[in-house]
N, C-alpha and C. Protein backbone atom coordinates (compact mmCIF):
# COMPACT_ATOMS: atom_id res chain seq x y z
N MET A 1 -69.94 -10.76 26.93
CA MET A 1 -70.27 -10.86 25.50
C MET A 1 -71.60 -10.07 25.23
N LYS A 2 -71.67 -9.22 24.42
CA LYS A 2 -72.88 -8.50 24.05
C LYS A 2 -73.41 -8.53 22.71
N TYR A 3 -74.72 -8.80 22.43
CA TYR A 3 -75.15 -8.72 21.13
C TYR A 3 -75.90 -7.36 20.94
N HIS A 4 -76.28 -7.14 19.82
CA HIS A 4 -76.81 -5.84 19.38
C HIS A 4 -78.35 -6.09 18.97
N PHE A 5 -79.23 -5.16 19.46
CA PHE A 5 -80.59 -5.22 19.01
C PHE A 5 -81.07 -3.89 18.46
N LYS A 6 -81.59 -4.06 17.38
CA LYS A 6 -82.29 -2.71 16.78
C LYS A 6 -83.71 -2.69 17.15
N TYR A 7 -84.06 -1.61 17.69
CA TYR A 7 -85.40 -1.57 18.26
C TYR A 7 -86.20 -0.40 17.48
N LYS A 8 -87.47 -0.58 17.65
CA LYS A 8 -88.44 0.50 16.95
C LYS A 8 -89.54 0.66 17.83
N LYS A 9 -90.13 1.83 17.81
CA LYS A 9 -91.48 2.11 18.50
C LYS A 9 -92.54 1.53 17.60
N ALA A 10 -93.44 0.74 18.13
CA ALA A 10 -94.60 0.24 17.38
C ALA A 10 -95.78 1.33 17.21
N LYS A 11 -96.42 1.30 16.16
CA LYS A 11 -97.48 2.21 15.89
C LYS A 11 -98.61 2.16 16.81
N GLU A 12 -98.85 1.05 17.41
CA GLU A 12 -99.91 0.83 18.25
C GLU A 12 -99.56 0.98 19.64
N GLY A 13 -98.22 1.44 19.90
CA GLY A 13 -97.67 1.60 21.29
C GLY A 13 -96.72 0.46 21.49
N GLY A 14 -95.83 0.75 22.51
CA GLY A 14 -94.90 -0.29 22.97
C GLY A 14 -93.71 -0.28 21.88
N TYR A 15 -92.85 -1.20 22.10
CA TYR A 15 -91.72 -1.29 21.26
C TYR A 15 -91.33 -2.78 20.89
N TRP A 16 -90.61 -2.98 19.75
CA TRP A 16 -90.30 -4.39 19.46
C TRP A 16 -88.73 -4.17 18.93
N ALA A 17 -88.07 -5.37 19.13
CA ALA A 17 -86.55 -5.36 18.81
C ALA A 17 -86.21 -6.74 18.15
N GLN A 18 -85.17 -6.59 17.40
CA GLN A 18 -84.63 -7.83 16.65
C GLN A 18 -83.16 -7.65 16.91
N CYS A 19 -82.64 -8.89 17.10
CA CYS A 19 -81.12 -9.13 17.24
C CYS A 19 -80.45 -8.83 15.88
N VAL A 20 -79.49 -8.17 15.75
CA VAL A 20 -78.83 -7.92 14.50
C VAL A 20 -78.07 -9.13 14.05
N GLU A 21 -77.40 -9.85 15.01
CA GLU A 21 -76.61 -10.92 14.50
C GLU A 21 -77.20 -12.37 14.52
N ILE A 22 -78.44 -12.47 15.25
CA ILE A 22 -79.16 -13.68 15.28
C ILE A 22 -80.44 -13.59 14.74
N SER A 23 -80.61 -14.08 13.46
CA SER A 23 -81.98 -14.06 12.78
C SER A 23 -82.97 -14.86 13.63
N GLY A 24 -84.11 -14.26 13.76
CA GLY A 24 -85.34 -14.86 14.45
C GLY A 24 -85.26 -14.59 15.96
N CYS A 25 -84.36 -13.82 16.54
CA CYS A 25 -84.35 -13.40 17.89
C CYS A 25 -84.97 -12.08 17.99
N ILE A 26 -86.39 -12.18 18.19
CA ILE A 26 -87.19 -10.95 18.11
C ILE A 26 -88.02 -10.91 19.46
N THR A 27 -88.29 -9.87 20.01
CA THR A 27 -89.10 -9.57 21.15
C THR A 27 -89.76 -8.20 21.09
N GLN A 28 -90.78 -7.92 22.24
CA GLN A 28 -91.35 -6.77 22.25
C GLN A 28 -91.59 -6.44 23.66
N GLY A 29 -91.91 -5.22 23.91
CA GLY A 29 -92.26 -4.87 25.31
C GLY A 29 -93.10 -3.53 25.30
N ASP A 30 -94.04 -3.28 26.36
CA ASP A 30 -94.81 -2.07 26.39
C ASP A 30 -94.04 -0.90 26.63
N THR A 31 -92.96 -1.07 27.39
CA THR A 31 -92.03 0.07 27.83
C THR A 31 -90.56 -0.39 27.37
N MET A 32 -89.64 0.62 27.46
CA MET A 32 -88.22 0.43 27.15
C MET A 32 -87.70 -0.54 28.23
N ASP A 33 -88.01 -0.34 29.39
CA ASP A 33 -87.62 -1.19 30.67
C ASP A 33 -88.01 -2.55 30.28
N GLU A 34 -89.42 -2.84 29.98
CA GLU A 34 -89.83 -4.09 29.73
C GLU A 34 -89.11 -4.71 28.50
N LEU A 35 -88.82 -3.93 27.47
CA LEU A 35 -88.17 -4.39 26.29
C LEU A 35 -86.91 -4.91 26.59
N GLN A 36 -86.12 -4.06 27.46
CA GLN A 36 -84.86 -4.32 27.76
C GLN A 36 -84.67 -5.93 28.46
N VAL A 37 -85.63 -6.13 29.41
CA VAL A 37 -85.79 -7.38 30.07
C VAL A 37 -86.09 -8.43 29.08
N ASN A 38 -87.01 -8.21 28.18
CA ASN A 38 -87.44 -9.17 27.19
C ASN A 38 -86.26 -9.57 26.18
N MET A 39 -85.48 -8.42 25.87
CA MET A 39 -84.46 -8.73 24.86
C MET A 39 -83.38 -9.69 25.54
N GLU A 40 -83.11 -9.34 26.93
CA GLU A 40 -82.09 -10.16 27.53
C GLU A 40 -82.62 -11.60 27.75
N ASP A 41 -83.89 -11.76 27.94
CA ASP A 41 -84.54 -13.15 28.08
C ASP A 41 -84.44 -13.81 26.84
N ALA A 42 -84.90 -13.15 25.71
CA ALA A 42 -84.94 -13.86 24.31
C ALA A 42 -83.51 -14.23 23.84
N LEU A 43 -82.52 -13.23 24.03
CA LEU A 43 -81.22 -13.62 23.76
C LEU A 43 -80.76 -14.87 24.41
N ASN A 44 -80.78 -14.79 25.63
CA ASN A 44 -80.20 -15.77 26.54
C ASN A 44 -80.94 -17.20 26.30
N THR A 45 -82.13 -17.25 25.99
CA THR A 45 -82.91 -18.38 25.73
C THR A 45 -82.51 -18.91 24.41
N MET A 46 -82.44 -18.13 23.43
CA MET A 46 -81.85 -18.46 22.12
C MET A 46 -80.37 -19.18 22.21
N LEU A 47 -79.56 -18.45 22.80
CA LEU A 47 -78.17 -18.97 22.89
C LEU A 47 -78.04 -20.27 23.78
N ASP A 48 -78.97 -20.53 24.66
CA ASP A 48 -78.94 -21.64 25.49
C ASP A 48 -79.53 -22.95 24.73
N GLU A 49 -79.06 -23.23 23.56
CA GLU A 49 -79.49 -24.30 22.69
C GLU A 49 -79.19 -25.56 23.42
N PRO A 50 -79.95 -26.66 23.22
CA PRO A 50 -79.59 -27.95 23.72
C PRO A 50 -78.28 -28.37 23.27
N GLY A 51 -77.48 -29.16 23.96
CA GLY A 51 -76.28 -29.72 23.62
C GLY A 51 -76.09 -30.37 22.45
N GLU A 52 -77.14 -31.23 22.07
CA GLU A 52 -77.15 -31.96 20.93
C GLU A 52 -77.39 -31.24 19.57
N SER A 53 -77.80 -30.02 19.88
CA SER A 53 -78.11 -29.16 18.67
C SER A 53 -76.91 -28.87 17.73
N LYS A 54 -77.07 -28.84 16.47
CA LYS A 54 -76.00 -28.53 15.59
C LYS A 54 -75.93 -27.07 15.10
N LEU A 55 -76.80 -26.28 15.67
CA LEU A 55 -76.86 -24.89 15.32
C LEU A 55 -75.61 -24.17 15.85
N VAL A 56 -75.10 -23.36 15.02
CA VAL A 56 -73.91 -22.62 15.34
C VAL A 56 -74.21 -21.05 14.95
N PHE A 57 -74.64 -20.36 16.12
CA PHE A 57 -75.10 -18.91 15.89
C PHE A 57 -73.81 -18.12 15.68
N GLU A 58 -74.16 -17.10 15.01
CA GLU A 58 -73.11 -16.02 14.81
C GLU A 58 -72.58 -15.40 16.09
N LEU A 59 -71.24 -15.16 16.25
CA LEU A 59 -70.80 -14.41 17.30
C LEU A 59 -71.24 -12.93 17.25
N PRO A 60 -71.15 -12.20 18.37
CA PRO A 60 -71.52 -10.71 18.25
C PRO A 60 -70.50 -10.00 17.38
N HIS A 61 -71.05 -9.03 16.71
CA HIS A 61 -70.14 -7.99 16.07
C HIS A 61 -69.41 -7.10 17.07
N ALA A 62 -68.24 -6.72 16.75
CA ALA A 62 -67.50 -5.75 17.70
C ALA A 62 -68.21 -4.50 17.80
N ILE A 63 -68.70 -3.98 16.57
CA ILE A 63 -69.37 -2.70 16.47
C ILE A 63 -70.51 -2.85 15.57
N VAL A 64 -71.56 -2.23 15.83
CA VAL A 64 -72.74 -2.19 15.01
C VAL A 64 -73.19 -0.85 14.83
N ARG A 65 -73.18 -0.17 13.71
CA ARG A 65 -73.47 1.30 13.51
C ARG A 65 -75.01 1.35 13.17
N GLY A 66 -75.61 2.51 13.40
CA GLY A 66 -76.97 2.75 13.04
C GLY A 66 -77.75 3.38 14.15
N ARG A 67 -78.98 3.64 13.94
CA ARG A 67 -79.76 4.23 14.92
C ARG A 67 -80.57 3.19 15.57
N ASN A 68 -80.90 3.49 16.83
CA ASN A 68 -81.71 2.71 17.77
C ASN A 68 -81.12 1.31 17.94
N ILE A 69 -79.85 1.22 18.40
CA ILE A 69 -79.15 -0.01 18.65
C ILE A 69 -78.81 -0.04 20.03
N LEU A 70 -79.29 -1.24 20.74
CA LEU A 70 -78.83 -1.31 22.05
C LEU A 70 -78.04 -2.57 22.27
N LYS A 71 -77.08 -2.64 23.19
CA LYS A 71 -76.29 -3.71 23.45
C LYS A 71 -77.02 -4.61 24.56
N VAL A 72 -76.99 -5.87 24.30
CA VAL A 72 -77.62 -6.78 25.22
C VAL A 72 -76.60 -7.72 25.82
N ALA A 73 -76.39 -7.88 27.06
CA ALA A 73 -75.41 -8.83 27.59
C ALA A 73 -75.94 -10.35 27.62
N VAL A 74 -74.98 -11.12 27.44
CA VAL A 74 -75.36 -12.68 27.61
C VAL A 74 -74.80 -12.84 28.95
N ARG A 75 -75.78 -13.65 29.90
CA ARG A 75 -75.35 -14.10 31.09
C ARG A 75 -74.00 -15.03 30.97
N PRO A 76 -73.16 -14.77 31.99
CA PRO A 76 -71.90 -15.61 32.01
C PRO A 76 -72.09 -17.02 31.85
N ASN A 77 -72.91 -17.57 32.55
CA ASN A 77 -73.23 -19.15 32.30
C ASN A 77 -73.61 -19.45 30.97
N VAL A 78 -74.50 -18.71 30.33
CA VAL A 78 -75.04 -18.99 29.06
C VAL A 78 -73.82 -18.78 28.03
N ALA A 79 -73.03 -17.63 28.32
CA ALA A 79 -71.85 -17.33 27.38
C ALA A 79 -70.79 -18.47 27.31
N PHE A 80 -70.64 -19.09 28.56
CA PHE A 80 -69.52 -20.11 28.78
C PHE A 80 -70.14 -21.35 27.94
N ALA A 81 -71.21 -21.74 28.10
CA ALA A 81 -72.02 -22.93 27.60
C ALA A 81 -72.01 -22.72 26.04
N PHE A 82 -72.43 -21.66 25.56
CA PHE A 82 -72.48 -21.31 24.17
C PHE A 82 -71.15 -21.39 23.52
N LEU A 83 -70.26 -20.62 24.12
CA LEU A 83 -68.79 -20.69 23.51
C LEU A 83 -68.27 -21.98 23.46
N LEU A 84 -68.44 -22.75 24.45
CA LEU A 84 -67.85 -24.12 24.44
C LEU A 84 -68.57 -24.96 23.42
N ARG A 85 -69.82 -24.89 23.26
CA ARG A 85 -70.42 -25.68 22.12
C ARG A 85 -70.14 -25.15 20.70
N GLN A 86 -69.94 -23.74 20.67
CA GLN A 86 -69.53 -23.22 19.31
C GLN A 86 -68.05 -23.70 18.90
N VAL A 87 -67.11 -23.82 19.91
CA VAL A 87 -65.75 -24.01 19.42
C VAL A 87 -65.69 -25.56 19.28
N ARG A 88 -66.39 -26.37 20.04
CA ARG A 88 -66.46 -27.87 19.88
C ARG A 88 -67.06 -28.22 18.40
N LEU A 89 -68.16 -27.64 18.06
CA LEU A 89 -68.72 -27.93 16.78
C LEU A 89 -67.88 -27.47 15.68
N ARG A 90 -67.21 -26.20 15.84
CA ARG A 90 -66.54 -25.82 14.87
C ARG A 90 -65.14 -26.61 14.55
N ALA A 91 -64.64 -27.28 15.66
CA ALA A 91 -63.64 -28.23 15.56
C ALA A 91 -64.00 -29.72 15.14
N GLY A 92 -65.17 -29.77 14.87
CA GLY A 92 -65.75 -31.09 14.49
C GLY A 92 -65.66 -32.28 15.42
N VAL A 93 -65.76 -31.87 16.79
CA VAL A 93 -65.61 -32.84 17.85
C VAL A 93 -67.04 -33.10 18.40
N THR A 94 -67.26 -34.43 18.65
CA THR A 94 -68.51 -34.79 19.38
C THR A 94 -68.33 -34.57 20.86
N GLN A 95 -69.49 -34.61 21.49
CA GLN A 95 -69.54 -34.38 22.95
C GLN A 95 -68.69 -35.53 23.63
N THR A 96 -68.99 -36.72 23.14
CA THR A 96 -68.21 -37.98 23.72
C THR A 96 -66.76 -37.78 23.55
N LYS A 97 -66.29 -37.26 22.35
CA LYS A 97 -64.92 -36.95 22.07
C LYS A 97 -64.34 -35.90 23.04
N ALA A 98 -65.17 -34.91 23.21
CA ALA A 98 -64.72 -33.74 23.90
C ALA A 98 -64.51 -34.02 25.43
N ALA A 99 -65.45 -35.00 25.90
CA ALA A 99 -65.55 -35.55 27.29
C ALA A 99 -64.14 -36.20 27.59
N LYS A 100 -63.84 -37.06 26.57
CA LYS A 100 -62.45 -37.87 26.71
C LYS A 100 -61.30 -36.93 26.57
N MET A 101 -61.29 -36.03 25.74
CA MET A 101 -60.22 -35.16 25.58
C MET A 101 -60.06 -34.20 26.91
N LEU A 102 -61.13 -34.10 27.56
CA LEU A 102 -60.96 -33.16 28.84
C LEU A 102 -60.79 -33.98 30.12
N GLY A 103 -60.87 -35.46 29.91
CA GLY A 103 -60.52 -36.28 30.91
C GLY A 103 -61.71 -36.68 31.81
N PHE A 104 -62.90 -36.57 31.12
CA PHE A 104 -63.97 -36.93 31.99
C PHE A 104 -64.21 -38.41 31.87
N LYS A 105 -64.87 -39.06 32.89
CA LYS A 105 -65.13 -40.46 32.84
C LYS A 105 -66.36 -40.73 32.07
N ASN A 106 -67.33 -39.88 31.96
CA ASN A 106 -68.48 -39.98 31.16
C ASN A 106 -68.88 -38.82 30.52
N ILE A 107 -69.87 -38.91 29.41
CA ILE A 107 -70.25 -37.80 28.72
C ILE A 107 -71.12 -36.79 29.46
N TYR A 108 -71.90 -37.28 30.53
CA TYR A 108 -72.86 -36.46 31.25
C TYR A 108 -72.07 -35.36 31.96
N SER A 109 -70.99 -35.57 32.51
CA SER A 109 -70.07 -34.53 33.15
C SER A 109 -69.77 -33.46 32.05
N TYR A 110 -69.38 -33.85 30.87
CA TYR A 110 -69.24 -32.77 29.83
C TYR A 110 -70.47 -32.08 29.45
N GLN A 111 -71.67 -32.81 29.42
CA GLN A 111 -72.77 -32.23 28.78
C GLN A 111 -73.23 -31.06 29.74
N ARG A 112 -72.96 -31.19 31.11
CA ARG A 112 -73.23 -30.13 31.99
C ARG A 112 -72.50 -28.92 31.67
N LEU A 113 -71.38 -28.89 31.20
CA LEU A 113 -70.62 -27.68 30.66
C LEU A 113 -71.39 -27.00 29.66
N GLU A 114 -71.94 -27.66 28.63
CA GLU A 114 -72.76 -27.10 27.55
C GLU A 114 -74.22 -26.84 27.87
N SER A 115 -74.58 -26.86 29.22
CA SER A 115 -75.83 -26.58 29.65
C SER A 115 -75.80 -25.33 30.63
N ALA A 116 -76.37 -24.19 30.06
CA ALA A 116 -76.25 -22.97 30.91
C ALA A 116 -76.92 -23.22 32.29
N ARG A 117 -77.80 -24.02 32.39
CA ARG A 117 -78.48 -24.37 33.77
C ARG A 117 -77.49 -24.96 34.70
N ASN A 118 -76.64 -25.78 34.12
CA ASN A 118 -75.74 -26.64 34.97
C ASN A 118 -74.28 -26.28 34.95
N THR A 119 -73.77 -25.33 34.03
CA THR A 119 -72.45 -25.09 34.12
C THR A 119 -71.87 -24.16 35.06
N ASN A 120 -70.95 -24.59 35.84
CA ASN A 120 -70.17 -23.79 36.83
C ASN A 120 -68.87 -24.39 36.96
N PRO A 121 -67.91 -24.14 35.96
CA PRO A 121 -66.80 -24.85 35.90
C PRO A 121 -65.69 -24.21 36.95
N ARG A 122 -64.84 -25.07 37.53
CA ARG A 122 -63.81 -24.59 38.35
C ARG A 122 -62.69 -24.02 37.40
N LEU A 123 -61.82 -23.25 38.05
CA LEU A 123 -60.61 -22.76 37.33
C LEU A 123 -59.82 -23.82 36.71
N ASP A 124 -59.52 -24.98 37.40
CA ASP A 124 -58.69 -25.90 36.79
C ASP A 124 -59.26 -26.53 35.38
N LEU A 125 -60.74 -26.58 35.39
CA LEU A 125 -61.45 -27.11 34.37
C LEU A 125 -61.35 -26.02 33.17
N ILE A 126 -61.42 -24.84 33.59
CA ILE A 126 -61.47 -23.81 32.43
C ILE A 126 -60.08 -23.79 31.85
N VAL A 127 -59.04 -24.02 32.56
CA VAL A 127 -57.62 -24.10 32.08
C VAL A 127 -57.62 -25.34 31.05
N ARG A 128 -58.12 -26.52 31.41
CA ARG A 128 -58.21 -27.68 30.51
C ARG A 128 -58.83 -27.30 29.31
N VAL A 129 -60.12 -26.79 29.38
CA VAL A 129 -60.97 -26.40 28.23
C VAL A 129 -59.99 -25.61 27.35
N LYS A 130 -59.28 -24.59 27.76
CA LYS A 130 -58.59 -23.71 26.94
C LYS A 130 -57.36 -24.42 26.26
N ALA A 131 -56.74 -25.46 26.98
CA ALA A 131 -55.80 -26.25 26.42
C ALA A 131 -56.38 -27.13 25.40
N VAL A 132 -57.43 -27.71 25.60
CA VAL A 132 -58.04 -28.68 24.50
C VAL A 132 -58.56 -27.81 23.30
N PHE A 133 -59.21 -26.83 23.55
CA PHE A 133 -59.73 -25.92 22.66
C PHE A 133 -59.14 -24.60 22.72
N PRO A 134 -57.98 -24.37 21.91
CA PRO A 134 -57.35 -23.12 22.06
C PRO A 134 -58.07 -21.80 21.54
N ASP A 135 -59.08 -22.11 20.70
CA ASP A 135 -59.94 -21.15 20.13
C ASP A 135 -60.96 -20.69 21.19
N PHE A 136 -61.11 -21.34 22.22
CA PHE A 136 -62.12 -20.98 23.29
C PHE A 136 -61.65 -19.56 23.89
N ASP A 137 -62.57 -18.50 23.68
CA ASP A 137 -62.08 -17.17 23.98
C ASP A 137 -62.74 -16.63 25.24
N LEU A 138 -62.06 -17.05 26.29
CA LEU A 138 -62.52 -16.65 27.62
C LEU A 138 -62.75 -15.14 27.75
N GLU A 139 -61.95 -14.47 27.14
CA GLU A 139 -62.00 -13.06 27.11
C GLU A 139 -63.47 -12.48 26.67
N MET A 140 -63.94 -13.12 25.86
CA MET A 140 -65.49 -12.75 25.49
C MET A 140 -66.44 -12.76 26.63
N ILE A 141 -66.23 -13.71 27.70
CA ILE A 141 -67.14 -13.76 28.69
C ILE A 141 -66.81 -12.82 29.66
N VAL A 142 -65.56 -12.45 29.98
CA VAL A 142 -65.14 -11.73 31.16
C VAL A 142 -65.03 -10.29 30.70
N SER A 143 -64.69 -9.84 29.50
CA SER A 143 -64.37 -8.50 29.21
C SER A 143 -65.49 -7.66 29.34
N ASP A 144 -66.66 -8.02 29.05
CA ASP A 144 -67.83 -7.09 29.27
C ASP A 144 -68.20 -6.93 30.75
N ALA A 145 -68.10 -8.01 31.46
CA ALA A 145 -68.36 -7.77 32.89
C ALA A 145 -67.31 -6.70 33.53
N ARG A 146 -66.12 -6.86 32.99
CA ARG A 146 -65.05 -5.93 33.50
C ARG A 146 -65.34 -4.60 33.23
N HIS A 147 -65.73 -4.29 31.92
CA HIS A 147 -66.24 -2.89 31.30
C HIS A 147 -67.48 -2.41 32.11
N ASP A 148 -68.34 -3.33 32.30
CA ASP A 148 -69.73 -2.81 33.02
C ASP A 148 -69.45 -2.40 34.49
N ARG A 149 -68.41 -3.05 35.13
CA ARG A 149 -68.15 -2.68 36.52
C ARG A 149 -67.34 -1.32 36.48
N ALA A 150 -66.59 -1.07 35.43
CA ALA A 150 -65.87 0.04 35.41
C ALA A 150 -66.64 1.29 35.17
N GLY A 151 -67.72 1.03 34.65
CA GLY A 151 -68.60 2.26 34.24
C GLY A 151 -68.76 2.39 32.97
């Protein structure tokens, strides 16, 4: 999953960038390399919202046209937690209900899935997530990684 940032050279030196899809996701850097690192950090921090948050950020656009646009990847653990939270909130399901639907004995096991720091689902759990939440788009997480390796 990749979001788009529009960047500009600052008059006083360095660069600044703003995410096209997520209002308020802004960063800066003295060099383009530093800006790239800061964009990735800002994006992943923004998307790693606490599980109890009701924020639903926009998903990335397939194509953004314009000058000075850079694609910035979301880390897979952040993408998984973010997409799960998104699909749960859009379905109007609480974390407690999601935990029950997925067969967890307690809410804490489910909450780990919505935390990028703690999520590391096994394949059988990913299959259950997809069965419970058919709109969960696993392809969004794996497609960019596949394209990045291919060159």
